[in-house]
Each structure stands twice: as C-alpha cells, then as structure tokens.
Amino acid sequence: MATKPDWYPDPQNPQELRWWDGQGWTEDRLTSAMLLKRIADSQEKSRRSTQGIRWGLFGIAILILIYGIQILDVLNRIYRG
C-alpha cells in the first residue's frame, strides 16, 4: 500500500517536515519556525474574522433596538390617540 501524500518528518533532517507527494519527496519543506508562523497567521485571521462577526452582530442588535423603539412609539401614538 502506497503512503498517502502529506507532510512527514524529513528523513535527512527530522526537525523539518517534508512533503511526500505519494511517489517521492519534493523539495517543499517546513521548519518548526515556518510552521509556528503559519499557525500564528491562521489564529490571527481567525481572531480578526471572529471580531468582525461580533461587531456585525452588535450593529444588527443596535439597529433592532432603534427600530423597535420607533415601532413602539408609533404604536403608542396610534392607540393613545
């Protein structure tokens, strides 16, 4: 059974990962510093995305509150005369 394409420890330098394309080693390598940077970048993107969603939801809540108050004011005027 063939080994599936993936990142594996580099046989020549086990501190690095090397891409196995399913048939042989490529020249693509990942050092631990590169891997940590990719993880940090991914976490930063995720944090920014989550922060944007939070601000969007906050904005929607404010709009609902404003329009809700306006609707209640209109209903109050209708029923009170």
PDB file of N, CA and C in Angstrom:
ATOM      1  N   MET A   1       0.836  -1.178   0.000  1.00  0.00           N
ATOM      2  CA  MET A   1       0.000   0.000   0.000  1.00  0.00           C
ATOM      3  C   MET A   1       0.886   1.248   0.000  1.00  0.00           C
ATOM      4  N   ALA A   2       0.564   2.192  -0.872  1.00  0.00           N
ATOM      5  CA  ALA A   2       1.360   3.408  -1.007  1.00  0.00           C
ATOM      6  C   ALA A   2       1.059   4.372   0.137  1.00  0.00           C
ATOM      7  N   THR A   3       2.061   5.137   0.511  1.00  0.00           N
ATOM      8  CA  THR A   3       1.887   6.158   1.539  1.00  0.00           C
ATOM      9  C   THR A   3       1.208   7.369   0.898  1.00  0.00           C
ATOM     10  N   LYS A   4       0.178   7.866   1.577  1.00  0.00           N
ATOM     11  CA  LYS A   4      -0.600   8.982   1.009  1.00  0.00           C
ATOM     12  C   LYS A   4       0.211  10.276   1.041  1.00  0.00           C
ATOM     13  N   PRO A   5      -0.064  11.191   0.094  1.00  0.00           N
ATOM     14  CA  PRO A   5       0.613  12.484   0.095  1.00  0.00           C
ATOM     15  C   PRO A   5       0.309  13.245   1.384  1.00  0.00           C
ATOM     16  N   ASP A   6       1.353  13.793   1.994  1.00  0.00           N
ATOM     17  CA  ASP A   6       1.196  14.529   3.249  1.00  0.00           C
ATOM     18  C   ASP A   6       2.564  15.041   3.695  1.00  0.00           C
ATOM     19  N   TRP A   7       2.558  15.817   4.778  1.00  0.00           N
ATOM     20  CA  TRP A   7       3.799  16.275   5.399  1.00  0.00           C
ATOM     21  C   TRP A   7       4.295  15.189   6.355  1.00  0.00           C
ATOM     22  N   TYR A   8       5.565  14.849   6.230  1.00  0.00           N
ATOM     23  CA  TYR A   8       6.190  13.838   7.092  1.00  0.00           C
ATOM     24  C   TYR A   8       7.541  14.370   7.560  1.00  0.00           C
ATOM     25  N   PRO A   9       8.068  13.813   8.658  1.00  0.00           N
ATOM     26  CA  PRO A   9       9.419  14.210   9.060  1.00  0.00           C
ATOM     27  C   PRO A   9      10.407  13.928   7.923  1.00  0.00           C
ATOM     28  N   ASP A  10      11.245  14.901   7.663  1.00  0.00           N
ATOM     29  CA  ASP A  10      12.244  14.774   6.609  1.00  0.00           C
ATOM     30  C   ASP A  10      13.253  13.706   7.020  1.00  0.00           C
ATOM     31  N   PRO A  11      13.467  12.674   6.200  1.00  0.00           N
ATOM     32  CA  PRO A  11      14.427  11.612   6.570  1.00  0.00           C
ATOM     33  C   PRO A  11      15.856  12.141   6.753  1.00  0.00           C
ATOM     34  N   GLN A  12      16.184  13.239   6.079  1.00  0.00           N
ATOM     35  CA  GLN A  12      17.528  13.795   6.188  1.00  0.00           C
ATOM     36  C   GLN A  12      17.663  14.783   7.343  1.00  0.00           C
ATOM     37  N   ASN A  13      16.528  15.351   7.775  1.00  0.00           N
ATOM     38  CA  ASN A  13      16.537  16.326   8.866  1.00  0.00           C
ATOM     39  C   ASN A  13      15.204  16.218   9.606  1.00  0.00           C
ATOM     40  N   PRO A  14      15.126  15.368  10.623  1.00  0.00           N
ATOM     41  CA  PRO A  14      13.863  15.115  11.315  1.00  0.00           C
ATOM     42  C   PRO A  14      13.244  16.335  12.008  1.00  0.00           C
ATOM     43  N   GLN A  15      14.005  17.445  12.135  1.00  0.00           N
ATOM     44  CA  GLN A  15      13.444  18.653  12.738  1.00  0.00           C
ATOM     45  C   GLN A  15      12.561  19.412  11.746  1.00  0.00           C
ATOM     46  N   GLU A  16      12.599  19.013  10.487  1.00  0.00           N
ATOM     47  CA  GLU A  16      11.780  19.641   9.461  1.00  0.00           C
ATOM     48  C   GLU A  16      10.728  18.659   8.965  1.00  0.00           C
ATOM     49  N   LEU A  17       9.669  19.221   8.398  1.00  0.00           N
ATOM     50  CA  LEU A  17       8.691  18.395   7.700  1.00  0.00           C
ATOM     51  C   LEU A  17       8.956  18.540   6.212  1.00  0.00           C
ATOM     52  N   ARG A  18       8.715  17.452   5.494  1.00  0.00           N
ATOM     53  CA  ARG A  18       8.929  17.477   4.046  1.00  0.00           C
ATOM     54  C   ARG A  18       7.714  16.865   3.369  1.00  0.00           C
ATOM     55  N   TRP A  19       7.339  17.412   2.214  1.00  0.00           N
ATOM     56  CA  TRP A  19       6.146  16.948   1.510  1.00  0.00           C
ATOM     57  C   TRP A  19       6.448  15.676   0.714  1.00  0.00           C
ATOM     58  N   TRP A  20       5.659  14.646   0.994  1.00  0.00           N
ATOM     59  CA  TRP A  20       5.690  13.394   0.240  1.00  0.00           C
ATOM     60  C   TRP A  20       4.498  13.439  -0.698  1.00  0.00           C
ATOM     61  N   ASP A  21       4.725  13.395  -2.025  1.00  0.00           N
ATOM     62  CA  ASP A  21       3.631  13.548  -2.979  1.00  0.00           C
ATOM     63  C   ASP A  21       2.934  12.233  -3.333  1.00  0.00           C
ATOM     64  N   GLY A  22       3.286  11.177  -2.618  1.00  0.00           N
ATOM     65  CA  GLY A  22       2.693   9.869  -2.877  1.00  0.00           C
ATOM     66  C   GLY A  22       3.630   8.967  -3.658  1.00  0.00           C
ATOM     67  N   GLN A  23       4.613   9.587  -4.326  1.00  0.00           N
ATOM     68  CA  GLN A  23       5.588   8.812  -5.104  1.00  0.00           C
ATOM     69  C   GLN A  23       7.017   9.100  -4.695  1.00  0.00           C
ATOM     70  N   GLY A  24       7.238  10.303  -4.168  1.00  0.00           N
ATOM     71  CA  GLY A  24       8.588  10.660  -3.775  1.00  0.00           C
ATOM     72  C   GLY A  24       8.599  11.969  -3.008  1.00  0.00           C
ATOM     73  N   TRP A  25       9.760  12.290  -2.449  1.00  0.00           N
ATOM     74  CA  TRP A  25       9.915  13.538  -1.701  1.00  0.00           C
ATOM     75  C   TRP A  25      10.028  14.706  -2.661  1.00  0.00           C
ATOM     76  N   THR A  26       9.352  15.801  -2.335  1.00  0.00           N
ATOM     77  CA  THR A  26       9.512  17.036  -3.107  1.00  0.00           C
ATOM     78  C   THR A  26      10.531  17.904  -2.384  1.00  0.00           C
ATOM     79  N   GLU A  27      10.816  19.054  -2.938  1.00  0.00           N
ATOM     80  CA  GLU A  27      11.739  19.992  -2.291  1.00  0.00           C
ATOM     81  C   GLU A  27      11.027  20.888  -1.266  1.00  0.00           C
ATOM     82  N   ASP A  28       9.719  20.738  -1.133  1.00  0.00           N
ATOM     83  CA  ASP A  28       8.956  21.548  -0.180  1.00  0.00           C
ATOM     84  C   ASP A  28       9.243  21.095   1.249  1.00  0.00           C
ATOM     85  N   ARG A  29       9.670  22.050   2.073  1.00  0.00           N
ATOM     86  CA  ARG A  29       9.987  21.744   3.463  1.00  0.00           C
ATOM     87  C   ARG A  29       9.344  22.773   4.391  1.00  0.00           C
ATOM     88  N   LEU A  30       9.071  22.351   5.606  1.00  0.00           N
ATOM     89  CA  LEU A  30       8.574  23.238   6.652  1.00  0.00           C
ATOM     90  C   LEU A  30       9.469  23.084   7.871  1.00  0.00           C
ATOM     91  N   THR A  31      10.044  24.201   8.312  1.00  0.00           N
ATOM     92  CA  THR A  31      10.798  24.167   9.562  1.00  0.00           C
ATOM     93  C   THR A  31       9.813  24.429  10.696  1.00  0.00           C
ATOM     94  N   SER A  32      10.236  24.203  11.904  1.00  0.00           N
ATOM     95  CA  SER A  32       9.352  24.464  13.039  1.00  0.00           C
ATOM     96  C   SER A  32       9.006  25.953  13.117  1.00  0.00           C
ATOM     97  N   ALA A  33       9.945  26.837  12.764  1.00  0.00           N
ATOM     98  CA  ALA A  33       9.664  28.280  12.775  1.00  0.00           C
ATOM     99  C   ALA A  33       8.610  28.632  11.734  1.00  0.00           C
ATOM    100  N   MET A  34       8.712  28.031  10.546  1.00  0.00           N
ATOM    101  CA  MET A  34       7.718  28.281   9.498  1.00  0.00           C
ATOM    102  C   MET A  34       6.350  27.771   9.922  1.00  0.00           C
ATOM    103  N   LEU A  35       6.336  26.607  10.545  1.00  0.00           N
ATOM    104  CA  LEU A  35       5.079  26.014  10.991  1.00  0.00           C
ATOM    105  C   LEU A  35       4.434  26.875  12.076  1.00  0.00           C
ATOM    106  N   LEU A  36       5.228  27.355  13.026  1.00  0.00           N
ATOM    107  CA  LEU A  36       4.701  28.230  14.075  1.00  0.00           C
ATOM    108  C   LEU A  36       4.159  29.536  13.487  1.00  0.00           C
ATOM    109  N   LYS A  37       4.844  30.080  12.480  1.00  0.00           N
ATOM    110  CA  LYS A  37       4.356  31.303  11.831  1.00  0.00           C
ATOM    111  C   LYS A  37       3.025  31.042  11.132  1.00  0.00           C
ATOM    112  N   ARG A  38       2.900  29.909  10.440  1.00  0.00           N
ATOM    113  CA  ARG A  38       1.629  29.579   9.776  1.00  0.00           C
ATOM    114  C   ARG A  38       0.502  29.440  10.790  1.00  0.00           C
ATOM    115  N   ILE A  39       0.779  28.813  11.910  1.00  0.00           N
ATOM    116  CA  ILE A  39      -0.240  28.651  12.956  1.00  0.00           C
ATOM    117  C   ILE A  39      -0.638  30.022  13.511  1.00  0.00           C
ATOM    118  N   ALA A  40       0.360  30.873  13.787  1.00  0.00           N
ATOM    119  CA  ALA A  40       0.081  32.210  14.320  1.00  0.00           C
ATOM    120  C   ALA A  40      -0.724  33.034  13.311  1.00  0.00           C
ATOM    121  N   ASP A  41      -0.359  32.964  12.028  1.00  0.00           N
ATOM    122  CA  ASP A  41      -1.098  33.692  10.998  1.00  0.00           C
ATOM    123  C   ASP A  41      -2.538  33.213  10.916  1.00  0.00           C
ATOM    124  N   SER A  42      -2.725  31.906  10.995  1.00  0.00           N
ATOM    125  CA  SER A  42      -4.066  31.332  10.940  1.00  0.00           C
ATOM    126  C   SER A  42      -4.902  31.775  12.135  1.00  0.00           C
ATOM    127  N   GLN A  43      -4.295  31.789  13.307  1.00  0.00           N
ATOM    128  CA  GLN A  43      -5.011  32.226  14.506  1.00  0.00           C
ATOM    129  C   GLN A  43      -5.371  33.707  14.415  1.00  0.00           C
ATOM    130  N   GLU A  44      -4.480  34.514  13.851  1.00  0.00           N
ATOM    131  CA  GLU A  44      -4.753  35.947  13.702  1.00  0.00           C
ATOM    132  C   GLU A  44      -5.910  36.170  12.738  1.00  0.00           C
ATOM    133  N   LYS A  45      -5.931  35.444  11.620  1.00  0.00           N
ATOM    134  CA  LYS A  45      -7.039  35.557  10.671  1.00  0.00           C
ATOM    135  C   LYS A  45      -8.346  35.150  11.323  1.00  0.00           C
ATOM    136  N   SER A  46      -8.293  34.077  12.089  1.00  0.00           N
ATOM    137  CA  SER A  46      -9.498  33.603  12.777  1.00  0.00           C
ATOM    138  C   SER A  46      -9.978  34.635  13.792  1.00  0.00           C
ATOM    139  N   ARG A  47      -9.043  35.241  14.515  1.00  0.00           N
ATOM    140  CA  ARG A  47      -9.399  36.251  15.520  1.00  0.00           C
ATOM    141  C   ARG A  47     -10.040  37.461  14.846  1.00  0.00           C
ATOM    142  N   ARG A  48      -9.441  37.919  13.739  1.00  0.00           N
ATOM    143  CA  ARG A  48      -9.995  39.069  13.030  1.00  0.00           C
ATOM    144  C   ARG A  48     -11.376  38.753  12.475  1.00  0.00           C
ATOM    145  N   SER A  49     -11.552  37.554  11.958  1.00  0.00           N
ATOM    146  CA  SER A  49     -12.852  37.152  11.415  1.00  0.00           C
ATOM    147  C   SER A  49     -13.906  37.118  12.509  1.00  0.00           C
ATOM    148  N   THR A  50     -13.554  36.539  13.654  1.00  0.00           N
ATOM    149  CA  THR A  50     -14.483  36.473  14.782  1.00  0.00           C
ATOM    150  C   THR A  50     -14.815  37.866  15.288  1.00  0.00           C
ATOM    151  N   GLN A  51     -13.814  38.732  15.339  1.00  0.00           N
ATOM    152  CA  GLN A  51     -14.039  40.103  15.805  1.00  0.00           C
ATOM    153  C   GLN A  51     -14.982  40.829  14.851  1.00  0.00           C
ATOM    154  N   GLY A  52     -14.827  40.629  13.556  1.00  0.00           N
ATOM    155  CA  GLY A  52     -15.713  41.248  12.572  1.00  0.00           C
ATOM    156  C   GLY A  52     -17.145  40.770  12.720  1.00  0.00           C
ATOM    157  N   ILE A  53     -17.303  39.481  12.968  1.00  0.00           N
ATOM    158  CA  ILE A  53     -18.643  38.925  13.168  1.00  0.00           C
ATOM    159  C   ILE A  53     -19.279  39.535  14.410  1.00  0.00           C
ATOM    160  N   ARG A  54     -18.513  39.665  15.477  1.00  0.00           N
ATOM    161  CA  ARG A  54     -19.036  40.258  16.716  1.00  0.00           C
ATOM    162  C   ARG A  54     -19.503  41.694  16.490  1.00  0.00           C
ATOM    163  N   TRP A  55     -18.696  42.490  15.784  1.00  0.00           N
ATOM    164  CA  TRP A  55     -19.090  43.871  15.505  1.00  0.00           C
ATOM    165  C   TRP A  55     -20.331  43.913  14.624  1.00  0.00           C
ATOM    166  N   GLY A  56     -20.411  42.998  13.668  1.00  0.00           N
ATOM    167  CA  GLY A  56     -21.596  42.938  12.810  1.00  0.00           C
ATOM    168  C   GLY A  56     -22.848  42.616  13.601  1.00  0.00           C
ATOM    169  N   LEU A  57     -22.753  41.643  14.493  1.00  0.00           N
ATOM    170  CA  LEU A  57     -23.902  41.285  15.327  1.00  0.00           C
ATOM    171  C   LEU A  57     -24.281  42.424  16.271  1.00  0.00           C
ATOM    172  N   PHE A  58     -23.280  43.116  16.790  1.00  0.00           N
ATOM    173  CA  PHE A  58     -23.542  44.262  17.656  1.00  0.00           C
ATOM    174  C   PHE A  58     -24.296  45.349  16.875  1.00  0.00           C
ATOM    175  N   GLY A  59     -23.879  45.607  15.651  1.00  0.00           N
ATOM    176  CA  GLY A  59     -24.545  46.596  14.810  1.00  0.00           C
ATOM    177  C   GLY A  59     -25.991  46.216  14.519  1.00  0.00           C
ATOM    178  N   ILE A  60     -26.214  44.949  14.227  1.00  0.00           N
ATOM    179  CA  ILE A  60     -27.579  44.474  13.978  1.00  0.00           C
ATOM    180  C   ILE A  60     -28.437  44.635  15.223  1.00  0.00           C
ATOM    181  N   ALA A  61     -27.886  44.308  16.380  1.00  0.00           N
ATOM    182  CA  ALA A  61     -28.639  44.447  17.635  1.00  0.00           C
ATOM    183  C   ALA A  61     -29.018  45.911  17.882  1.00  0.00           C
ATOM    184  N   ILE A  62     -28.096  46.837  17.604  1.00  0.00           N
ATOM    185  CA  ILE A  62     -28.382  48.268  17.782  1.00  0.00           C
ATOM    186  C   ILE A  62     -29.506  48.699  16.836  1.00  0.00           C
ATOM    187  N   LEU A  63     -29.443  48.248  15.571  1.00  0.00           N
ATOM    188  CA  LEU A  63     -30.497  48.601  14.618  1.00  0.00           C
ATOM    189  C   LEU A  63     -31.853  48.055  15.048  1.00  0.00           C
ATOM    190  N   ILE A  64     -31.880  46.825  15.525  1.00  0.00           N
ATOM    191  CA  ILE A  64     -33.137  46.235  16.010  1.00  0.00           C
ATOM    192  C   ILE A  64     -33.672  47.051  17.181  1.00  0.00           C
ATOM    193  N   LEU A  65     -32.799  47.448  18.080  1.00  0.00           N
ATOM    194  CA  LEU A  65     -33.207  48.253  19.228  1.00  0.00           C
ATOM    195  C   LEU A  65     -33.784  49.599  18.787  1.00  0.00           C
ATOM    196  N   ILE A  66     -33.105  50.280  17.868  1.00  0.00           N
ATOM    197  CA  ILE A  66     -33.578  51.587  17.395  1.00  0.00           C
ATOM    198  C   ILE A  66     -34.928  51.454  16.695  1.00  0.00           C
ATOM    199  N   TYR A  67     -35.032  50.493  15.769  1.00  0.00           N
ATOM    200  CA  TYR A  67     -36.305  50.332  15.058  1.00  0.00           C
ATOM    201  C   TYR A  67     -37.402  49.827  15.980  1.00  0.00           C
ATOM    202  N   GLY A  68     -37.044  49.020  16.954  1.00  0.00           N
ATOM    203  CA  GLY A  68     -38.030  48.553  17.932  1.00  0.00           C
ATOM    204  C   GLY A  68     -38.608  49.701  18.727  1.00  0.00           C
ATOM    205  N   ILE A  69     -37.754  50.625  19.137  1.00  0.00           N
ATOM    206  CA  ILE A  69     -38.215  51.796  19.890  1.00  0.00           C
ATOM    207  C   ILE A  69     -39.123  52.656  19.008  1.00  0.00           C
ATOM    208  N   GLN A  70     -38.741  52.820  17.745  1.00  0.00           N
ATOM    209  CA  GLN A  70     -39.564  53.618  16.834  1.00  0.00           C
ATOM    210  C   GLN A  70     -40.928  52.966  16.605  1.00  0.00           C
ATOM    211  N   ILE A  71     -40.968  51.674  16.441  1.00  0.00           N
ATOM    212  CA  ILE A  71     -42.238  50.957  16.243  1.00  0.00           C
ATOM    213  C   ILE A  71     -43.115  51.097  17.482  1.00  0.00           C
ATOM    214  N   LEU A  72     -42.515  50.944  18.651  1.00  0.00           N
ATOM    215  CA  LEU A  72     -43.293  51.101  19.887  1.00  0.00           C
ATOM    216  C   LEU A  72     -43.841  52.521  20.009  1.00  0.00           C
ATOM    217  N   ASP A  73     -43.061  53.515  19.600  1.00  0.00           N
ATOM    218  CA  ASP A  73     -43.521  54.893  19.642  1.00  0.00           C
ATOM    219  C   ASP A  73     -44.711  55.103  18.699  1.00  0.00           C
ATOM    220  N   VAL A  74     -44.622  54.554  17.495  1.00  0.00           N
ATOM    221  CA  VAL A  74     -45.728  54.669  16.532  1.00  0.00           C
ATOM    222  C   VAL A  74     -46.971  53.971  17.068  1.00  0.00           C
ATOM    223  N   LEU A  75     -46.817  52.765  17.598  1.00  0.00           N
ATOM    224  CA  LEU A  75     -47.971  52.046  18.151  1.00  0.00           C
ATOM    225  C   LEU A  75     -48.582  52.803  19.325  1.00  0.00           C
ATOM    226  N   ASN A  76     -47.740  53.384  20.152  1.00  0.00           N
ATOM    227  CA  ASN A  76     -48.212  54.160  21.287  1.00  0.00           C
ATOM    228  C   ASN A  76     -49.065  55.348  20.820  1.00  0.00           C
ATOM    229  N   ARG A  77     -48.593  56.032  19.767  1.00  0.00           N
ATOM    230  CA  ARG A  77     -49.340  57.169  19.237  1.00  0.00           C
ATOM    231  C   ARG A  77     -50.680  56.726  18.636  1.00  0.00           C
ATOM    232  N   ILE A  78     -50.686  55.586  17.951  1.00  0.00           N
ATOM    233  CA  ILE A  78     -51.912  55.090  17.326  1.00  0.00           C
ATOM    234  C   ILE A  78     -52.955  54.764  18.395  1.00  0.00           C
ATOM    235  N   TYR A  79     -52.557  54.052  19.416  1.00  0.00           N
ATOM    236  CA  TYR A  79     -53.522  53.590  20.406  1.00  0.00           C
ATOM    237  C   TYR A  79     -53.899  54.664  21.439  1.00  0.00           C
ATOM    238  N   ARG A  80     -53.077  55.682  21.598  1.00  0.00           N
ATOM    239  CA  ARG A  80     -53.397  56.729  22.568  1.00  0.00           C
ATOM    240  C   ARG A  80     -54.089  57.925  21.892  1.00  0.00           C
ATOM    241  N   GLY A  81     -54.059  57.913  20.621  1.00  0.00           N
ATOM    242  CA  GLY A  81     -54.875  58.925  20.030  1.00  0.00           C
ATOM    243  C   GLY A  81     -54.277  59.844  19.093  1.00  0.00           C
TER     244      GLY A  81
END
